[in-house]
Amino acid sequence: MSPTRPAIFLVKATIAPEQEAAFNAWYDNVRSSEAARVPGCLGMRRYAALPLDSTHAGAEPWQYMVCYEFDSEAALQAFIHSDTLRAMTNDYDTRFAGTRARFAYRQIYP
């Protein structure tokens, strides 16, 4: 695949109930501004898990998901290995208890 294709970086998290309000305010006001300054990052969108009672959807173990959209896989790779991401991760880790997982995807269609 071409490193010029769009890519996304997903972070899924579950947050301690007593930290949820602070978590949401921080993500909306601090993290969104930081993401806007990352080279190649087109934006970020946040989602809360939606329970679905259906045989077509599995149970989501994470409460929240954030999707960082990048203009290219190369820009995402640069971010993944950057001091910026290390600093963002350290800031998050000092503020919030909970678990999280990270995933990266390249666009394959269209």
PDB file of N, CA and C in Angstrom:
ATOM      1  N   MET A   1       0.830  -1.179   0.000  1.00  0.00           N
ATOM      2  CA  MET A   1       0.000   0.000   0.000  1.00  0.00           C
ATOM      3  C   MET A   1       0.877   1.246   0.000  1.00  0.00           C
ATOM      4  N   SER A   2       0.343   2.287  -0.495  1.00  0.00           N
ATOM      5  CA  SER A   2       1.059   3.549  -0.604  1.00  0.00           C
ATOM      6  C   SER A   2       1.066   4.307   0.718  1.00  0.00           C
ATOM      7  N   PRO A   3       2.232   4.847   1.125  1.00  0.00           N
ATOM      8  CA  PRO A   3       2.261   5.640   2.355  1.00  0.00           C
ATOM      9  C   PRO A   3       1.554   6.986   2.211  1.00  0.00           C
ATOM     10  N   THR A   4       1.025   7.273   1.014  1.00  0.00           N
ATOM     11  CA  THR A   4       0.295   8.528   0.811  1.00  0.00           C
ATOM     12  C   THR A   4      -1.207   8.362   1.014  1.00  0.00           C
ATOM     13  N   ARG A   5      -1.682   7.139   1.241  1.00  0.00           N
ATOM     14  CA  ARG A   5      -3.107   6.900   1.501  1.00  0.00           C
ATOM     15  C   ARG A   5      -3.473   7.401   2.902  1.00  0.00           C
ATOM     16  N   PRO A   6      -4.710   7.859   3.102  1.00  0.00           N
ATOM     17  CA  PRO A   6      -5.135   8.281   4.441  1.00  0.00           C
ATOM     18  C   PRO A   6      -5.024   7.144   5.455  1.00  0.00           C
ATOM     19  N   ALA A   7      -4.881   7.513   6.724  1.00  0.00           N
ATOM     20  CA  ALA A   7      -4.753   6.540   7.800  1.00  0.00           C
ATOM     21  C   ALA A   7      -5.418   7.092   9.059  1.00  0.00           C
ATOM     22  N   ILE A   8      -5.764   6.192   9.969  1.00  0.00           N
ATOM     23  CA  ILE A   8      -6.342   6.609  11.239  1.00  0.00           C
ATOM     24  C   ILE A   8      -5.614   5.939  12.396  1.00  0.00           C
ATOM     25  N   PHE A   9      -5.627   6.626  13.510  1.00  0.00           N
ATOM     26  CA  PHE A   9      -5.076   6.128  14.765  1.00  0.00           C
ATOM     27  C   PHE A   9      -6.231   6.131  15.754  1.00  0.00           C
ATOM     28  N   LEU A  10      -6.583   4.951  16.276  1.00  0.00           N
ATOM     29  CA  LEU A  10      -7.690   4.811  17.216  1.00  0.00           C
ATOM     30  C   LEU A  10      -7.159   4.557  18.610  1.00  0.00           C
ATOM     31  N   VAL A  11      -7.779   5.202  19.568  1.00  0.00           N
ATOM     32  CA  VAL A  11      -7.488   4.933  20.970  1.00  0.00           C
ATOM     33  C   VAL A  11      -8.820   4.613  21.625  1.00  0.00           C
ATOM     34  N   LYS A  12      -8.900   3.446  22.266  1.00  0.00           N
ATOM     35  CA  LYS A  12     -10.101   3.043  22.981  1.00  0.00           C
ATOM     36  C   LYS A  12      -9.757   3.014  24.465  1.00  0.00           C
ATOM     37  N   ALA A  13     -10.682   3.517  25.285  1.00  0.00           N
ATOM     38  CA  ALA A  13     -10.384   3.634  26.714  1.00  0.00           C
ATOM     39  C   ALA A  13     -11.614   3.365  27.569  1.00  0.00           C
ATOM     40  N   THR A  14     -11.343   2.884  28.753  1.00  0.00           N
ATOM     41  CA  THR A  14     -12.337   2.783  29.815  1.00  0.00           C
ATOM     42  C   THR A  14     -11.783   3.585  30.984  1.00  0.00           C
ATOM     43  N   ILE A  15     -12.608   4.460  31.520  1.00  0.00           N
ATOM     44  CA  ILE A  15     -12.179   5.421  32.525  1.00  0.00           C
ATOM     45  C   ILE A  15     -12.907   5.156  33.845  1.00  0.00           C
ATOM     46  N   ALA A  16     -12.217   5.366  34.940  1.00  0.00           N
ATOM     47  CA  ALA A  16     -12.841   5.239  36.254  1.00  0.00           C
ATOM     48  C   ALA A  16     -14.017   6.213  36.344  1.00  0.00           C
ATOM     49  N   PRO A  17     -15.159   5.778  36.867  1.00  0.00           N
ATOM     50  CA  PRO A  17     -16.360   6.620  36.902  1.00  0.00           C
ATOM     51  C   PRO A  17     -16.137   8.003  37.517  1.00  0.00           C
ATOM     52  N   GLU A  18     -15.344   8.079  38.560  1.00  0.00           N
ATOM     53  CA  GLU A  18     -15.119   9.368  39.216  1.00  0.00           C
ATOM     54  C   GLU A  18     -14.269  10.318  38.371  1.00  0.00           C
ATOM     55  N   GLN A  19     -13.670   9.828  37.289  1.00  0.00           N
ATOM     56  CA  GLN A  19     -12.841  10.673  36.429  1.00  0.00           C
ATOM     57  C   GLN A  19     -13.506  11.002  35.087  1.00  0.00           C
ATOM     58  N   GLU A  20     -14.673  10.460  34.825  1.00  0.00           N
ATOM     59  CA  GLU A  20     -15.297  10.631  33.510  1.00  0.00           C
ATOM     60  C   GLU A  20     -15.538  12.084  33.133  1.00  0.00           C
ATOM     61  N   ALA A  21     -16.061  12.889  34.021  1.00  0.00           N
ATOM     62  CA  ALA A  21     -16.339  14.292  33.700  1.00  0.00           C
ATOM     63  C   ALA A  21     -15.044  15.026  33.350  1.00  0.00           C
ATOM     64  N   ALA A  22     -14.006  14.826  34.159  1.00  0.00           N
ATOM     65  CA  ALA A  22     -12.718  15.470  33.889  1.00  0.00           C
ATOM     66  C   ALA A  22     -12.113  14.950  32.590  1.00  0.00           C
ATOM     67  N   PHE A  23     -12.239  13.648  32.349  1.00  0.00           N
ATOM     68  CA  PHE A  23     -11.731  13.030  31.127  1.00  0.00           C
ATOM     69  C   PHE A  23     -12.377  13.658  29.887  1.00  0.00           C
ATOM     70  N   ASN A  24     -13.698  13.747  29.892  1.00  0.00           N
ATOM     71  CA  ASN A  24     -14.396  14.302  28.736  1.00  0.00           C
ATOM     72  C   ASN A  24     -14.076  15.780  28.531  1.00  0.00           C
ATOM     73  N   ALA A  25     -14.021  16.557  29.600  1.00  0.00           N
ATOM     74  CA  ALA A  25     -13.682  17.973  29.480  1.00  0.00           C
ATOM     75  C   ALA A  25     -12.260  18.148  28.964  1.00  0.00           C
ATOM     76  N   TRP A  26     -11.325  17.360  29.492  1.00  0.00           N
ATOM     77  CA  TRP A  26      -9.928  17.458  29.065  1.00  0.00           C
ATOM     78  C   TRP A  26      -9.784  17.087  27.598  1.00  0.00           C
ATOM     79  N   TYR A  27     -10.423  15.991  27.167  1.00  0.00           N
ATOM     80  CA  TYR A  27     -10.325  15.577  25.768  1.00  0.00           C
ATOM     81  C   TYR A  27     -10.899  16.644  24.846  1.00  0.00           C
ATOM     82  N   ASP A  28     -12.040  17.207  25.217  1.00  0.00           N
ATOM     83  CA  ASP A  28     -12.699  18.194  24.365  1.00  0.00           C
ATOM     84  C   ASP A  28     -11.940  19.520  24.301  1.00  0.00           C
ATOM     85  N   ASN A  29     -11.285  19.894  25.389  1.00  0.00           N
ATOM     86  CA  ASN A  29     -10.668  21.219  25.453  1.00  0.00           C
ATOM     87  C   ASN A  29      -9.150  21.233  25.309  1.00  0.00           C
ATOM     88  N   VAL A  30      -8.481  20.197  25.771  1.00  0.00           N
ATOM     89  CA  VAL A  30      -7.020  20.170  25.726  1.00  0.00           C
ATOM     90  C   VAL A  30      -6.529  19.290  24.578  1.00  0.00           C
ATOM     91  N   ARG A  31      -6.933  18.028  24.602  1.00  0.00           N
ATOM     92  CA  ARG A  31      -6.416  17.084  23.614  1.00  0.00           C
ATOM     93  C   ARG A  31      -6.792  17.484  22.195  1.00  0.00           C
ATOM     94  N   SER A  32      -8.001  17.996  22.001  1.00  0.00           N
ATOM     95  CA  SER A  32      -8.415  18.393  20.652  1.00  0.00           C
ATOM     96  C   SER A  32      -7.518  19.506  20.106  1.00  0.00           C
ATOM     97  N   SER A  33      -7.104  20.431  20.960  1.00  0.00           N
ATOM     98  CA  SER A  33      -6.194  21.505  20.528  1.00  0.00           C
ATOM     99  C   SER A  33      -4.815  20.956  20.189  1.00  0.00           C
ATOM    100  N   GLU A  34      -4.352  19.993  20.978  1.00  0.00           N
ATOM    101  CA  GLU A  34      -3.061  19.369  20.693  1.00  0.00           C
ATOM    102  C   GLU A  34      -3.102  18.632  19.361  1.00  0.00           C
ATOM    103  N   ALA A  35      -4.172  17.886  19.110  1.00  0.00           N
ATOM    104  CA  ALA A  35      -4.294  17.131  17.861  1.00  0.00           C
ATOM    105  C   ALA A  35      -4.300  18.062  16.659  1.00  0.00           C
ATOM    106  N   ALA A  36      -4.905  19.214  16.805  1.00  0.00           N
ATOM    107  CA  ALA A  36      -4.976  20.172  15.695  1.00  0.00           C
ATOM    108  C   ALA A  36      -3.597  20.681  15.284  1.00  0.00           C
ATOM    109  N   ARG A  37      -2.617  20.581  16.168  1.00  0.00           N
ATOM    110  CA  ARG A  37      -1.258  21.055  15.865  1.00  0.00           C
ATOM    111  C   ARG A  37      -0.331  19.955  15.341  1.00  0.00           C
ATOM    112  N   VAL A  38      -0.802  18.709  15.276  1.00  0.00           N
ATOM    113  CA  VAL A  38       0.031  17.600  14.805  1.00  0.00           C
ATOM    114  C   VAL A  38       0.096  17.635  13.279  1.00  0.00           C
ATOM    115  N   PRO A  39       1.297  17.690  12.700  1.00  0.00           N
ATOM    116  CA  PRO A  39       1.416  17.722  11.239  1.00  0.00           C
ATOM    117  C   PRO A  39       0.728  16.519  10.589  1.00  0.00           C
ATOM    118  N   GLY A  40      -0.103  16.791   9.607  1.00  0.00           N
ATOM    119  CA  GLY A  40      -0.785  15.733   8.871  1.00  0.00           C
ATOM    120  C   GLY A  40      -2.068  15.247   9.509  1.00  0.00           C
ATOM    121  N   CYS A  41      -2.359  15.677  10.738  1.00  0.00           N
ATOM    122  CA  CYS A  41      -3.597  15.261  11.409  1.00  0.00           C
ATOM    123  C   CYS A  41      -4.734  16.162  10.913  1.00  0.00           C
ATOM    124  N   LEU A  42      -5.707  15.549  10.283  1.00  0.00           N
ATOM    125  CA  LEU A  42      -6.831  16.284   9.719  1.00  0.00           C
ATOM    126  C   LEU A  42      -7.896  16.607  10.761  1.00  0.00           C
ATOM    127  N   GLY A  43      -7.868  15.885  11.854  1.00  0.00           N
ATOM    128  CA  GLY A  43      -8.836  16.119  12.914  1.00  0.00           C
ATOM    129  C   GLY A  43      -8.991  14.902  13.779  1.00  0.00           C
ATOM    130  N   MET A  44      -9.793  15.069  14.806  1.00  0.00           N
ATOM    131  CA  MET A  44     -10.054  13.976  15.720  1.00  0.00           C
ATOM    132  C   MET A  44     -11.540  13.972  16.028  1.00  0.00           C
ATOM    133  N   ARG A  45     -12.075  12.769  16.178  1.00  0.00           N
ATOM    134  CA  ARG A  45     -13.478  12.595  16.547  1.00  0.00           C
ATOM    135  C   ARG A  45     -13.534  11.649  17.735  1.00  0.00           C
ATOM    136  N   ARG A  46     -14.468  11.946  18.649  1.00  0.00           N
ATOM    137  CA  ARG A  46     -14.633  11.106  19.839  1.00  0.00           C
ATOM    138  C   ARG A  46     -15.993  10.437  19.794  1.00  0.00           C
ATOM    139  N   TYR A  47     -16.020   9.229  20.356  1.00  0.00           N
ATOM    140  CA  TYR A  47     -17.244   8.434  20.383  1.00  0.00           C
ATOM    141  C   TYR A  47     -17.395   7.772  21.743  1.00  0.00           C
ATOM    142  N   ALA A  48     -18.634   7.585  22.159  1.00  0.00           N
ATOM    143  CA  ALA A  48     -18.953   6.785  23.343  1.00  0.00           C
ATOM    144  C   ALA A  48     -19.599   5.500  22.844  1.00  0.00           C
ATOM    145  N   ALA A  49     -19.310   4.403  23.518  1.00  0.00           N
ATOM    146  CA  ALA A  49     -19.841   3.099  23.105  1.00  0.00           C
ATOM    147  C   ALA A  49     -21.366   3.120  23.125  1.00  0.00           C
ATOM    148  N   LEU A  50     -21.921   2.505  22.126  1.00  0.00           N
ATOM    149  CA  LEU A  50     -23.369   2.392  21.981  1.00  0.00           C
ATOM    150  C   LEU A  50     -23.742   0.921  22.101  1.00  0.00           C
ATOM    151  N   PRO A  51     -24.449   0.545  23.155  1.00  0.00           N
ATOM    152  CA  PRO A  51     -24.812  -0.872  23.284  1.00  0.00           C
ATOM    153  C   PRO A  51     -25.841  -1.258  22.216  1.00  0.00           C
ATOM    154  N   LEU A  52     -25.576  -2.355  21.552  1.00  0.00           N
ATOM    155  CA  LEU A  52     -26.484  -2.846  20.519  1.00  0.00           C
ATOM    156  C   LEU A  52     -26.965  -4.238  20.901  1.00  0.00           C
ATOM    157  N   ASP A  53     -28.250  -4.393  20.924  1.00  0.00           N
ATOM    158  CA  ASP A  53     -28.830  -5.695  21.208  1.00  0.00           C
ATOM    159  C   ASP A  53     -29.117  -6.361  19.873  1.00  0.00           C
ATOM    160  N   SER A  54     -28.097  -7.017  19.323  1.00  0.00           N
ATOM    161  CA  SER A  54     -28.199  -7.575  17.984  1.00  0.00           C
ATOM    162  C   SER A  54     -27.198  -8.700  17.813  1.00  0.00           C
ATOM    163  N   THR A  55     -27.553  -9.662  16.995  1.00  0.00           N
ATOM    164  CA  THR A  55     -26.604 -10.730  16.679  1.00  0.00           C
ATOM    165  C   THR A  55     -25.548 -10.241  15.691  1.00  0.00           C
ATOM    166  N   HIS A  56     -25.709  -9.028  15.153  1.00  0.00           N
ATOM    167  CA  HIS A  56     -24.780  -8.489  14.163  1.00  0.00           C
ATOM    168  C   HIS A  56     -23.681  -7.627  14.770  1.00  0.00           C
ATOM    169  N   ALA A  57     -23.699  -7.435  16.077  1.00  0.00           N
ATOM    170  CA  ALA A  57     -22.683  -6.595  16.706  1.00  0.00           C
ATOM    171  C   ALA A  57     -22.195  -7.257  17.977  1.00  0.00           C
ATOM    172  N   GLY A  58     -20.897  -7.217  18.167  1.00  0.00           N
ATOM    173  CA  GLY A  58     -20.327  -7.763  19.391  1.00  0.00           C
ATOM    174  C   GLY A  58     -20.393  -6.748  20.517  1.00  0.00           C
ATOM    175  N   ALA A  59     -20.150  -7.190  21.705  1.00  0.00           N
ATOM    176  CA  ALA A  59     -20.111  -6.299  22.856  1.00  0.00           C
ATOM    177  C   ALA A  59     -18.799  -5.510  22.826  1.00  0.00           C
ATOM    178  N   GLU A  60     -18.884  -4.224  23.044  1.00  0.00           N
ATOM    179  CA  GLU A  60     -17.712  -3.344  23.050  1.00  0.00           C
ATOM    180  C   GLU A  60     -17.204  -3.237  24.487  1.00  0.00           C
ATOM    181  N   PRO A  61     -15.962  -3.671  24.763  1.00  0.00           N
ATOM    182  CA  PRO A  61     -15.463  -3.612  26.135  1.00  0.00           C
ATOM    183  C   PRO A  61     -14.963  -2.225  26.544  1.00  0.00           C
ATOM    184  N   TRP A  62     -14.841  -1.301  25.595  1.00  0.00           N
ATOM    185  CA  TRP A  62     -14.309   0.029  25.879  1.00  0.00           C
ATOM    186  C   TRP A  62     -15.453   1.036  25.951  1.00  0.00           C
ATOM    187  N   GLN A  63     -15.339   2.027  26.842  1.00  0.00           N
ATOM    188  CA  GLN A  63     -16.350   3.080  26.965  1.00  0.00           C
ATOM    189  C   GLN A  63     -16.229   4.119  25.854  1.00  0.00           C
ATOM    190  N   TYR A  64     -15.003   4.504  25.548  1.00  0.00           N
ATOM    191  CA  TYR A  64     -14.760   5.627  24.643  1.00  0.00           C
ATOM    192  C   TYR A  64     -13.789   5.238  23.538  1.00  0.00           C
ATOM    193  N   MET A  65     -13.933   5.940  22.410  1.00  0.00           N
ATOM    194  CA  MET A  65     -12.999   5.766  21.304  1.00  0.00           C
ATOM    195  C   MET A  65     -12.726   7.151  20.716  1.00  0.00           C
ATOM    196  N   VAL A  66     -11.470   7.397  20.436  1.00  0.00           N
ATOM    197  CA  VAL A  66     -11.101   8.613  19.714  1.00  0.00           C
ATOM    198  C   VAL A  66     -10.425   8.176  18.427  1.00  0.00           C
ATOM    199  N   CYS A  67     -10.759   8.853  17.352  1.00  0.00           N
ATOM    200  CA  CYS A  67     -10.234   8.546  16.026  1.00  0.00           C
ATOM    201  C   CYS A  67      -9.485   9.769  15.518  1.00  0.00           C
ATOM    202  N   TYR A  68      -8.185   9.640  15.375  1.00  0.00           N
ATOM    203  CA  TYR A  68      -7.358  10.698  14.804  1.00  0.00           C
ATOM    204  C   TYR A  68      -7.202  10.380  13.319  1.00  0.00           C
ATOM    205  N   GLU A  69      -7.593  11.308  12.474  1.00  0.00           N
ATOM    206  CA  GLU A  69      -7.522  11.098  11.028  1.00  0.00           C
ATOM    207  C   GLU A  69      -6.277  11.783  10.475  1.00  0.00           C
ATOM    208  N   PHE A  70      -5.496  11.030   9.685  1.00  0.00           N
ATOM    209  CA  PHE A  70      -4.257  11.561   9.100  1.00  0.00           C
ATOM    210  C   PHE A  70      -4.358  11.583   7.582  1.00  0.00           C
ATOM    211  N   ASP A  71      -3.706  12.560   6.989  1.00  0.00           N
ATOM    212  CA  ASP A  71      -3.756  12.687   5.532  1.00  0.00           C
ATOM    213  C   ASP A  71      -2.965  11.598   4.823  1.00  0.00           C
ATOM    214  N   SER A  72      -2.078  10.911   5.575  1.00  0.00           N
ATOM    215  CA  SER A  72      -1.283   9.845   4.956  1.00  0.00           C
ATOM    216  C   SER A  72      -0.768   8.888   6.025  1.00  0.00           C
ATOM    217  N   GLU A  73      -0.438   7.705   5.596  1.00  0.00           N
ATOM    218  CA  GLU A  73       0.184   6.739   6.493  1.00  0.00           C
ATOM    219  C   GLU A  73       1.536   7.273   6.969  1.00  0.00           C
ATOM    220  N   ALA A  74       2.244   7.974   6.095  1.00  0.00           N
ATOM    221  CA  ALA A  74       3.546   8.541   6.469  1.00  0.00           C
ATOM    222  C   ALA A  74       3.387   9.537   7.625  1.00  0.00           C
ATOM    223  N   ALA A  75       2.343  10.370   7.578  1.00  0.00           N
ATOM    224  CA  ALA A  75       2.110  11.329   8.666  1.00  0.00           C
ATOM    225  C   ALA A  75       1.763  10.611   9.964  1.00  0.00           C
ATOM    226  N   LEU A  76       0.971   9.552   9.867  1.00  0.00           N
ATOM    227  CA  LEU A  76       0.637   8.757  11.054  1.00  0.00           C
ATOM    228  C   LEU A  76       1.893   8.112  11.631  1.00  0.00           C
ATOM    229  N   GLN A  77       2.721   7.525  10.777  1.00  0.00           N
ATOM    230  CA  GLN A  77       3.965   6.894  11.251  1.00  0.00           C
ATOM    231  C   GLN A  77       4.863   7.915  11.945  1.00  0.00           C
ATOM    232  N   ALA A  78       4.953   9.116  11.378  1.00  0.00           N
ATOM    233  CA  ALA A  78       5.774  10.162  12.003  1.00  0.00           C
ATOM    234  C   ALA A  78       5.227  10.511  13.385  1.00  0.00           C
ATOM    235  N   PHE A  79       3.914  10.594  13.515  1.00  0.00           N
ATOM    236  CA  PHE A  79       3.283  10.896  14.797  1.00  0.00           C
ATOM    237  C   PHE A  79       3.538   9.784  15.811  1.00  0.00           C
ATOM    238  N   ILE A  80       3.386   8.545  15.399  1.00  0.00           N
ATOM    239  CA  ILE A  80       3.552   7.392  16.292  1.00  0.00           C
ATOM    240  C   ILE A  80       4.951   7.371  16.925  1.00  0.00           C
ATOM    241  N   HIS A  81       5.937   7.835  16.182  1.00  0.00           N
ATOM    242  CA  HIS A  81       7.320   7.805  16.657  1.00  0.00           C
ATOM    243  C   HIS A  81       7.802   9.161  17.170  1.00  0.00           C
ATOM    244  N   SER A  82       6.878  10.074  17.418  1.00  0.00           N
ATOM    245  CA  SER A  82       7.269  11.442  17.772  1.00  0.00           C
ATOM    246  C   SER A  82       7.362  11.687  19.276  1.00  0.00           C
ATOM    247  N   ASP A  83       8.135  12.701  19.617  1.00  0.00           N
ATOM    248  CA  ASP A  83       8.180  13.179  20.997  1.00  0.00           C
ATOM    249  C   ASP A  83       6.817  13.746  21.396  1.00  0.00           C
ATOM    250  N   THR A  84       6.075  14.262  20.421  1.00  0.00           N
ATOM    251  CA  THR A  84       4.736  14.793  20.695  1.00  0.00           C
ATOM    252  C   THR A  84       3.833  13.710  21.256  1.00  0.00           C
ATOM    253  N   LEU A  85       3.795  12.549  20.626  1.00  0.00           N
ATOM    254  CA  LEU A  85       2.948  11.468  21.132  1.00  0.00           C
ATOM    255  C   LEU A  85       3.442  10.991  22.495  1.00  0.00           C
ATOM    256  N   ARG A  86       4.745  10.912  22.691  1.00  0.00           N
ATOM    257  CA  ARG A  86       5.263  10.517  23.997  1.00  0.00           C
ATOM    258  C   ARG A  86       4.806  11.495  25.081  1.00  0.00           C
ATOM    259  N   ALA A  87       4.862  12.786  24.792  1.00  0.00           N
ATOM    260  CA  ALA A  87       4.427  13.796  25.762  1.00  0.00           C
ATOM    261  C   ALA A  87       2.915  13.715  26.000  1.00  0.00           C
ATOM    262  N   MET A  88       2.154  13.506  24.934  1.00  0.00           N
ATOM    263  CA  MET A  88       0.701  13.372  25.067  1.00  0.00           C
ATOM    264  C   MET A  88       0.355  12.156  25.921  1.00  0.00           C
ATOM    265  N   THR A  89       1.059  11.058  25.714  1.00  0.00           N
ATOM    266  CA  THR A  89       0.823   9.827  26.478  1.00  0.00           C
ATOM    267  C   THR A  89       1.170  10.030  27.945  1.00  0.00           C
ATOM    268  N   ASN A  90       2.292  10.668  28.221  1.00  0.00           N
ATOM    269  CA  ASN A  90       2.683  10.934  29.610  1.00  0.00           C
ATOM    270  C   ASN A  90       1.659  11.809  30.314  1.00  0.00           C
ATOM    271  N   ASP A  91       1.169  12.830  29.624  1.00  0.00           N
ATOM    272  CA  ASP A  91       0.157  13.716  30.197  1.00  0.00           C
ATOM    273  C   ASP A  91      -1.100  12.926  30.539  1.00  0.00           C
ATOM    274  N   TYR A  92      -1.579  12.115  29.601  1.00  0.00           N
ATOM    275  CA  TYR A  92      -2.757  11.274  29.821  1.00  0.00           C
ATOM    276  C   TYR A  92      -2.540  10.361  31.028  1.00  0.00           C
ATOM    277  N   ASP A  93      -1.390   9.699  31.071  1.00  0.00           N
ATOM    278  CA  ASP A  93      -1.115   8.728  32.130  1.00  0.00           C
ATOM    279  C   ASP A  93      -1.090   9.367  33.523  1.00  0.00           C
ATOM    280  N   THR A  94      -0.667  10.613  33.617  1.00  0.00           N
ATOM    281  CA  THR A  94      -0.637  11.282  34.927  1.00  0.00           C
ATOM    282  C   THR A  94      -2.021  11.739  35.364  1.00  0.00           C
ATOM    283  N   ARG A  95      -2.945  11.881  34.426  1.00  0.00           N
ATOM    284  CA  ARG A  95      -4.277  12.391  34.741  1.00  0.00           C
ATOM    285  C   ARG A  95      -5.324  11.319  35.011  1.00  0.00           C
ATOM    286  N   PHE A  96      -5.264  10.199  34.284  1.00  0.00           N
ATOM    287  CA  PHE A  96      -6.396   9.281  34.275  1.00  0.00           C
ATOM    288  C   PHE A  96      -6.015   7.842  34.594  1.00  0.00           C
ATOM    289  N   ALA A  97      -6.892   7.218  35.374  1.00  0.00           N
ATOM    290  CA  ALA A  97      -6.779   5.787  35.661  1.00  0.00           C
ATOM    291  C   ALA A  97      -7.745   5.063  34.731  1.00  0.00           C
ATOM    292  N   GLY A  98      -7.401   3.876  34.360  1.00  0.00           N
ATOM    293  CA  GLY A  98      -8.250   3.090  33.480  1.00  0.00           C
ATOM    294  C   GLY A  98      -7.382   2.277  32.537  1.00  0.00           C
ATOM    295  N   THR A  99      -8.016   1.698  31.564  1.00  0.00           N
ATOM    296  CA  THR A  99      -7.281   0.910  30.577  1.00  0.00           C
ATOM    297  C   THR A  99      -7.520   1.496  29.200  1.00  0.00           C
ATOM    298  N   ARG A 100      -6.591   1.214  28.290  1.00  0.00           N
ATOM    299  CA  ARG A 100      -6.768   1.679  26.916  1.00  0.00           C
ATOM    300  C   ARG A 100      -6.005   0.785  25.967  1.00  0.00           C
ATOM    301  N   ALA A 101      -6.391   0.870  24.717  1.00  0.00           N
ATOM    302  CA  ALA A 101      -5.721   0.134  23.647  1.00  0.00           C
ATOM    303  C   ALA A 101      -5.610   1.068  22.458  1.00  0.00           C
ATOM    304  N   ARG A 102      -4.577   0.871  21.657  1.00  0.00           N
ATOM    305  CA  ARG A 102      -4.346   1.720  20.487  1.00  0.00           C
ATOM    306  C   ARG A 102      -4.279   0.855  19.240  1.00  0.00           C
ATOM    307  N   PHE A 103      -4.808   1.404  18.138  1.00  0.00           N
ATOM    308  CA  PHE A 103      -4.841   0.695  16.871  1.00  0.00           C
ATOM    309  C   PHE A 103      -4.550   1.681  15.750  1.00  0.00           C
ATOM    310  N   ALA A 104      -3.952   1.207  14.686  1.00  0.00           N
ATOM    311  CA  ALA A 104      -3.708   2.054  13.510  1.00  0.00           C
ATOM    312  C   ALA A 104      -4.202   1.307  12.258  1.00  0.00           C
ATOM    313  N   TYR A 105      -4.789   2.081  11.346  1.00  0.00           N
ATOM    314  CA  TYR A 105      -5.335   1.504  10.121  1.00  0.00           C
ATOM    315  C   TYR A 105      -4.993   2.404   8.938  1.00  0.00           C
ATOM    316  N   ARG A 106      -4.741   1.776   7.794  1.00  0.00           N
ATOM    317  CA  ARG A 106      -4.574   2.543   6.556  1.00  0.00           C
ATOM    318  C   ARG A 106      -5.846   2.373   5.735  1.00  0.00           C
ATOM    319  N   GLN A 107      -6.189   3.395   4.989  1.00  0.00           N
ATOM    320  CA  GLN A 107      -7.361   3.312   4.130  1.00  0.00           C
ATOM    321  C   GLN A 107      -7.042   2.426   2.938  1.00  0.00           C
ATOM    322  N   ILE A 108      -7.936   1.493   2.617  1.00  0.00           N
ATOM    323  CA  ILE A 108      -7.705   0.610   1.477  1.00  0.00           C
ATOM    324  C   ILE A 108      -8.770   0.771   0.386  1.00  0.00           C
ATOM    325  N   TYR A 109      -9.872   1.429   0.721  1.00  0.00           N
ATOM    326  CA  TYR A 109     -10.909   1.682  -0.295  1.00  0.00           C
ATOM    327  C   TYR A 109     -11.705   2.892   0.129  1.00  0.00           C
ATOM    328  N   PRO A 110     -12.087   3.786  -0.665  1.00  0.00           N
ATOM    329  CA  PRO A 110     -11.707   3.880  -2.070  1.00  0.00           C
ATOM    330  C   PRO A 110     -10.291   4.342  -2.207  1.00  0.00           C
TER     331      PRO A 110
END
